[in-house]
Amino acid sequence: MFSRLIFFQRFGMATQVDIDVGKALNSVLTRAQKACAERSPDLPQVAPRVVAVSKTKPVGMIKEAYECGQRHFGENYVQELVDKSADADLMSSCKEIRWHFIGHLQTNKVKKVLGASNLYMVETIDSKKLANEVNKQWEKLGNGERLKVMVQVNTSGEENKHGIAPSECVSLVDHVRTQCPHLELAGIMTIGAFDHDLSQGPNPDFKVLLKCREDVCSKFNLSKDSMELSMGMSGDFEHAISVGSTNVRIGSTIFGARNYTTKPSGATKQSNTQNVSSSSQQTEQNSDSLDNLKAVSDRMSDLKVEVK
């Protein structure tokens, strides 16, 4: 089954691509398995989870991926997650879907996110205040199971990225574990620099997150297997998995490039009401642009391209 998208415009030409979501997904899973096999023996040999990032993508494409066996999906925008999780078609045909919230979350939006059907994990806990609010609201909802969360670490030190400093990771992990009884700490996550040249060696931001895990596991006497690492996107997921990532967030390589000129209304509303800085939004779109180019490079041989 193919989905047709316009994936980029240059020099006044729109390039139209028929995207076989199932084939792209299978390619990603195969590459992920191969990267996992290349891990060092001293790293946990945990099969990586692929989170299909469906932000700005239509429900039909999510259904395609689900029908091909994909269960974990990620959304960056609060309203988009709320809308998609409540979509009648998805709720009836994708009953085992598991939603990850992977965008920046403000405390005044926590209740909306936690109300999303089939919410599996919030990957972006970046302060004790946010952890407390998520814990409080999850308790109010009366769910029997604890909510899985990850602590977000700003490993690159860039001001326009969210997350705590690496030096604060142990403290926030301790707070979630001891002061938030309705949350289950699944691991730690980072976005990292978007343009690292692998010819210069492993991504230093990934190495920082690995060190954070070592510190956490040492402090609380935990096994590395029990502490997930969420790092890696379309442009670098194989490298991330090979150095230890157990959770990768992949969008454009599965669904094709994002077109922000047609961003869903919910996403636009979310951006406006949260008053996110323009530099932060631009950073996110720059990341998507790099992922888009990588995805196009990876899959051009498999796609039917028609230039209008």
Protein backbone atom coordinates (compact mmCIF):
# COMPACT_ATOMS: atom_id res chain seq x y z
CA MET A 1 0.00 0.00 0.00
CA PHE A 2 1.33 3.40 -0.93
CA SER A 3 0.80 6.86 0.56
CA ARG A 4 1.45 9.82 -1.71
CA LEU A 5 3.13 12.89 -0.23
CA ILE A 6 4.87 16.02 -1.48
CA PHE A 7 8.20 15.81 0.32
CA PHE A 8 10.20 18.83 -0.77
CA GLN A 9 10.22 21.87 -2.99
CA ARG A 10 13.29 23.28 -4.69
CA PHE A 11 13.65 25.75 -7.49
CA GLY A 12 9.87 25.96 -7.83
CA MET A 13 9.39 22.21 -8.43
CA ALA A 14 7.37 19.94 -6.17
CA THR A 15 8.54 16.34 -6.06
CA GLN A 16 5.84 13.78 -5.47
CA VAL A 17 6.67 10.41 -3.96
CA ASP A 18 4.66 7.23 -3.51
CA ILE A 19 5.65 5.98 -0.08
CA ASP A 20 5.34 2.32 0.80
CA VAL A 21 5.08 2.68 4.58
CA GLY A 22 5.25 -1.06 5.16
CA LYS A 23 8.40 -1.49 3.11
CA ALA A 24 10.05 1.52 4.75
CA LEU A 25 9.14 0.22 8.21
CA ASN A 26 10.50 -3.22 7.45
CA SER A 27 13.75 -1.67 6.22
CA VAL A 28 14.10 0.30 9.45
CA LEU A 29 13.47 -2.79 11.59
CA THR A 30 16.03 -4.80 9.61
CA ARG A 31 18.63 -2.07 9.95
CA ALA A 32 17.88 -1.75 13.67
CA GLN A 33 18.41 -5.47 14.21
CA LYS A 34 21.70 -5.36 12.31
CA ALA A 35 22.90 -2.39 14.36
CA CYS A 36 21.96 -4.19 17.57
CA ALA A 37 24.05 -7.18 16.52
CA GLU A 38 27.06 -4.86 16.19
CA ARG A 39 26.93 -3.68 19.80
CA SER A 40 29.88 -4.17 22.08
CA PRO A 41 29.47 -7.26 24.32
CA ASP A 42 29.67 -5.08 27.43
CA LEU A 43 26.47 -3.25 26.46
CA PRO A 44 23.01 -4.62 27.31
CA GLN A 45 21.85 -6.79 24.42
CA VAL A 46 18.31 -5.40 24.58
CA ALA A 47 16.35 -5.38 21.34
CA PRO A 48 15.73 -1.74 20.39
CA ARG A 49 12.20 -0.39 20.37
CA VAL A 50 11.28 1.60 17.28
CA VAL A 51 8.90 4.50 17.95
CA ALA A 52 7.33 5.64 14.69
CA VAL A 53 7.09 9.43 14.94
CA SER A 54 3.87 10.39 13.22
CA LYS A 55 3.80 14.13 13.91
CA THR A 56 2.05 16.07 11.12
CA LYS A 57 1.19 12.75 9.43
CA PRO A 58 -2.39 11.66 8.61
CA VAL A 59 -4.26 8.90 10.39
CA GLY A 60 -4.17 6.77 7.24
CA MET A 61 -0.40 6.45 7.38
CA ILE A 62 -0.51 5.47 11.04
CA LYS A 63 -2.99 2.74 10.16
CA GLU A 64 -0.68 1.49 7.40
CA ALA A 65 2.20 1.15 9.83
CA TYR A 66 -0.02 -0.48 12.44
CA GLU A 67 -1.29 -3.03 9.92
CA CYS A 68 2.35 -3.92 9.26
CA GLY A 69 2.91 -4.70 12.93
CA GLN A 70 4.06 -1.35 14.34
CA ARG A 71 2.61 -0.60 17.78
CA HIS A 72 4.65 2.27 19.26
CA PHE A 73 4.00 5.77 17.86
CA GLY A 74 5.34 9.14 18.98
CA GLU A 75 3.86 12.62 18.91
CA ASN A 76 5.50 15.97 19.67
CA TYR A 77 2.47 18.22 19.91
CA VAL A 78 -0.06 17.97 22.74
CA GLN A 79 -3.17 18.70 20.70
CA GLU A 80 -2.11 16.41 17.88
CA LEU A 81 -1.63 13.55 20.34
CA VAL A 82 -5.02 14.25 21.90
CA ASP A 83 -6.77 14.39 18.53
CA LYS A 84 -5.16 11.27 17.10
CA SER A 85 -5.60 9.21 20.23
CA ALA A 86 -9.31 10.07 20.17
CA ASP A 87 -9.77 9.38 16.47
CA ALA A 88 -12.64 6.92 16.10
CA ASP A 89 -11.03 5.11 13.18
CA LEU A 90 -7.74 4.58 15.01
CA MET A 91 -9.47 3.58 18.23
CA SER A 92 -11.51 0.90 16.49
CA SER A 93 -8.84 -0.49 14.15
CA CYS A 94 -5.65 0.05 16.19
CA LYS A 95 -6.66 -1.08 19.66
CA GLU A 96 -3.13 -2.07 20.70
CA ILE A 97 -1.50 1.21 19.70
CA ARG A 98 0.91 2.66 22.26
CA TRP A 99 1.47 6.41 22.25
CA HIS A 100 4.70 8.07 23.35
CA PHE A 101 4.72 11.79 24.04
CA ILE A 102 8.16 13.00 22.90
CA GLY A 103 7.76 16.79 22.77
CA HIS A 104 8.39 19.50 25.33
CA LEU A 105 5.68 19.42 27.97
CA GLN A 106 4.57 22.35 30.10
CA THR A 107 2.83 21.71 33.41
CA ASN A 108 -0.41 23.36 32.27
CA LYS A 109 -0.68 20.82 29.43
CA VAL A 110 -0.04 17.70 31.51
CA LYS A 111 -3.71 16.90 32.11
CA LYS A 112 -4.44 16.92 28.37
CA VAL A 113 -1.54 14.63 27.54
CA LEU A 114 -2.36 12.15 30.28
CA GLY A 115 -5.95 12.01 29.07
CA ALA A 116 -4.84 10.59 25.73
CA SER A 117 -6.14 7.09 25.09
CA ASN A 118 -3.50 4.34 25.12
CA LEU A 119 -0.77 6.63 26.42
CA TYR A 120 2.26 4.42 27.01
CA MET A 121 5.07 6.77 27.96
CA VAL A 122 6.10 10.39 28.46
CA GLU A 123 9.74 10.65 27.38
CA THR A 124 10.41 14.27 28.26
CA ILE A 125 10.42 14.79 32.03
CA ASP A 126 12.90 17.63 32.49
CA SER A 127 12.20 19.06 35.95
CA LYS A 128 11.00 18.04 39.39
CA LYS A 129 8.04 20.41 38.97
CA LEU A 130 6.95 18.60 35.81
CA ALA A 131 7.49 15.19 37.40
CA ASN A 132 5.33 16.20 40.36
CA GLU A 133 2.52 17.43 38.12
CA VAL A 134 2.55 14.31 35.95
CA ASN A 135 2.51 12.16 39.08
CA LYS A 136 -0.38 14.14 40.58
CA GLN A 137 -2.52 14.13 37.45
CA TRP A 138 -1.90 10.44 36.76
CA GLU A 139 -3.03 9.62 40.31
CA LYS A 140 -6.20 11.65 39.78
CA LEU A 141 -7.03 9.64 36.68
CA GLY A 142 -7.10 6.53 38.84
CA ASN A 143 -5.12 4.33 36.50
CA GLY A 144 -4.13 1.06 38.08
CA GLU A 145 -0.65 0.95 36.58
CA ARG A 146 2.15 3.44 36.97
CA LEU A 147 2.90 5.64 33.96
CA LYS A 148 6.23 5.01 32.25
CA VAL A 149 8.40 8.10 31.97
CA MET A 150 11.90 9.05 30.90
CA VAL A 151 14.11 11.84 32.15
CA GLN A 152 15.28 14.11 29.33
CA VAL A 153 18.92 15.18 29.39
CA ASN A 154 20.34 18.06 27.35
CA THR A 155 23.59 16.35 26.44
CA SER A 156 24.70 18.94 23.87
CA GLY A 157 24.33 21.93 26.17
CA GLU A 158 22.46 23.91 23.51
CA GLU A 159 20.20 26.60 24.96
CA ASN A 160 17.46 26.01 22.41
CA LYS A 161 17.03 22.39 23.50
CA HIS A 162 15.10 21.16 26.48
CA GLY A 163 16.30 18.79 29.16
CA ILE A 164 18.28 18.90 32.37
CA ALA A 165 22.05 19.23 32.52
CA PRO A 166 23.89 15.89 32.76
CA SER A 167 25.09 16.85 36.23
CA GLU A 168 21.45 17.02 37.39
CA CYS A 169 20.39 13.66 35.98
CA VAL A 170 20.95 11.59 39.12
CA SER A 171 19.03 14.09 41.25
CA LEU A 172 15.97 14.13 38.98
CA VAL A 173 16.02 10.34 38.64
CA ASP A 174 16.12 10.08 42.43
CA HIS A 175 13.16 12.44 42.70
CA VAL A 176 11.06 10.44 40.25
CA ARG A 177 11.92 7.15 41.95
CA THR A 178 11.30 8.32 45.52
CA GLN A 179 8.76 11.15 45.30
CA CYS A 180 6.54 10.11 42.38
CA PRO A 181 4.94 6.78 43.32
CA HIS A 182 2.58 6.79 40.34
CA LEU A 183 5.41 7.02 37.82
CA GLU A 184 7.68 4.25 36.61
CA LEU A 185 11.11 5.43 35.53
CA ALA A 186 11.81 3.62 32.27
CA GLY A 187 15.08 5.34 31.42
CA ILE A 188 16.71 8.51 30.16
CA MET A 189 16.57 10.23 26.77
CA THR A 190 18.36 12.83 24.72
CA ILE A 191 18.11 14.48 21.34
CA GLY A 192 21.75 15.45 20.95
CA ALA A 193 23.40 17.40 18.16
CA PHE A 194 21.80 16.91 14.74
CA ASP A 195 24.86 17.18 12.53
CA HIS A 196 27.57 15.06 14.12
CA ASP A 197 30.10 13.70 11.62
CA LEU A 198 30.53 10.00 12.43
CA SER A 199 33.87 9.98 10.64
CA GLN A 200 35.12 11.91 13.68
CA GLY A 201 34.07 9.10 16.03
CA PRO A 202 31.00 8.24 18.14
CA ASN A 203 28.49 11.01 18.81
CA PRO A 204 29.73 12.70 22.03
CA ASP A 205 26.16 13.43 23.10
CA PHE A 206 25.37 9.72 23.07
CA LYS A 207 28.51 9.10 25.12
CA VAL A 208 27.28 11.65 27.66
CA LEU A 209 23.95 9.84 28.00
CA LEU A 210 25.78 6.53 28.46
CA LYS A 211 27.78 8.15 31.26
CA CYS A 212 24.55 9.44 32.81
CA ARG A 213 23.21 5.89 32.86
CA GLU A 214 26.41 4.64 34.48
CA ASP A 215 26.07 7.29 37.19
CA VAL A 216 22.39 6.46 37.79
CA CYS A 217 22.95 2.72 37.91
CA SER A 218 25.93 3.11 40.23
CA LYS A 219 24.08 5.48 42.57
CA PHE A 220 20.98 3.31 42.91
CA ASN A 221 22.56 -0.12 42.41
CA LEU A 222 20.58 -0.79 39.23
CA SER A 223 21.45 -3.05 36.33
CA LYS A 224 22.07 -1.37 32.98
CA ASP A 225 19.38 -3.58 31.47
CA SER A 226 16.77 -1.90 33.68
CA MET A 227 17.59 1.62 32.50
CA GLU A 228 16.57 2.35 28.91
CA LEU A 229 18.40 4.80 26.67
CA SER A 230 16.25 6.76 24.23
CA MET A 231 18.53 8.32 21.63
CA GLY A 232 18.69 8.28 17.86
CA MET A 233 16.41 9.46 15.07
CA SER A 234 16.10 8.91 11.33
CA GLY A 235 19.53 10.28 10.54
CA ASP A 236 21.53 8.41 13.17
CA PHE A 237 19.45 5.60 14.65
CA GLU A 238 21.80 2.82 13.52
CA HIS A 239 24.77 4.49 15.20
CA ALA A 240 22.68 5.17 18.32
CA ILE A 241 21.63 1.51 18.57
CA SER A 242 25.18 0.27 18.00
CA VAL A 243 26.41 2.30 20.99
CA GLY A 244 23.56 1.26 23.27
CA SER A 245 20.24 2.92 22.48
CA THR A 246 17.20 0.80 23.33
CA ASN A 247 14.58 3.25 22.04
CA VAL A 248 14.83 5.15 18.74
CA ARG A 249 12.39 7.77 17.44
CA ILE A 250 12.03 7.53 13.67
CA GLY A 251 9.70 9.63 11.54
CA SER A 252 10.72 10.65 8.04
CA THR A 253 12.47 7.38 7.19
CA ILE A 254 9.15 5.60 7.74
CA PHE A 255 6.56 8.19 6.75
CA GLY A 256 8.44 10.53 4.42
CA ALA A 257 9.44 14.14 4.91
CA ARG A 258 7.28 16.50 6.92
CA ASN A 259 5.64 19.51 5.33
CA TYR A 260 5.32 22.24 7.95
CA THR A 261 3.31 24.45 5.62
CA THR A 262 0.43 22.04 6.20
CA LYS A 263 1.00 21.38 9.89
CA PRO A 264 -2.24 20.15 11.52
CA SER A 265 -4.30 22.85 13.19
CA GLY A 266 -3.88 21.20 16.56
CA ALA A 267 -0.11 21.38 16.25
CA THR A 268 -0.28 25.05 15.30
CA LYS A 269 -2.54 25.80 18.25
CA GLN A 270 -0.20 23.90 20.52
CA SER A 271 2.79 25.90 19.34
CA ASN A 272 1.01 29.22 19.78
CA THR A 273 -0.47 28.57 23.20
CA GLN A 274 2.74 27.22 24.66
CA ASN A 275 4.68 30.28 23.49
CA VAL A 276 7.63 28.14 22.48
CA SER A 277 10.63 30.21 21.41
CA SER A 278 11.12 30.62 17.69
CA SER A 279 14.69 29.35 17.99
CA SER A 280 13.46 26.11 19.58
CA GLN A 281 10.91 25.61 16.82
CA GLN A 282 13.54 26.29 14.18
CA THR A 283 15.88 23.78 15.81
CA GLU A 284 13.18 21.11 15.64
CA GLN A 285 12.51 21.85 11.98
CA ASN A 286 16.24 21.83 11.21
CA SER A 287 16.40 18.38 12.78
CA ASP A 288 13.50 17.25 10.62
CA SER A 289 15.17 18.69 7.51
CA LEU A 290 18.32 16.68 8.13
CA ASP A 291 16.25 13.57 8.80
CA ASN A 292 14.27 14.23 5.64
CA LEU A 293 17.40 14.40 3.51
CA LYS A 294 18.74 11.21 5.07
CA ALA A 295 15.41 9.46 4.53
CA VAL A 296 15.31 10.51 0.89
CA SER A 297 18.88 9.29 0.38
CA ASP A 298 18.09 5.96 2.06
CA ARG A 299 14.96 5.23 0.10
CA MET A 300 15.16 6.86 -3.33
CA SER A 301 15.95 3.51 -4.93
CA ASP A 302 12.72 2.09 -3.50
CA LEU A 303 10.43 4.97 -4.29
CA LYS A 304 8.67 5.92 -7.50
CA VAL A 305 9.44 9.60 -8.08
CA GLU A 306 7.29 11.80 -10.30
CA VAL A 307 8.34 15.40 -10.92
CA LYS A 308 5.58 17.80 -11.77
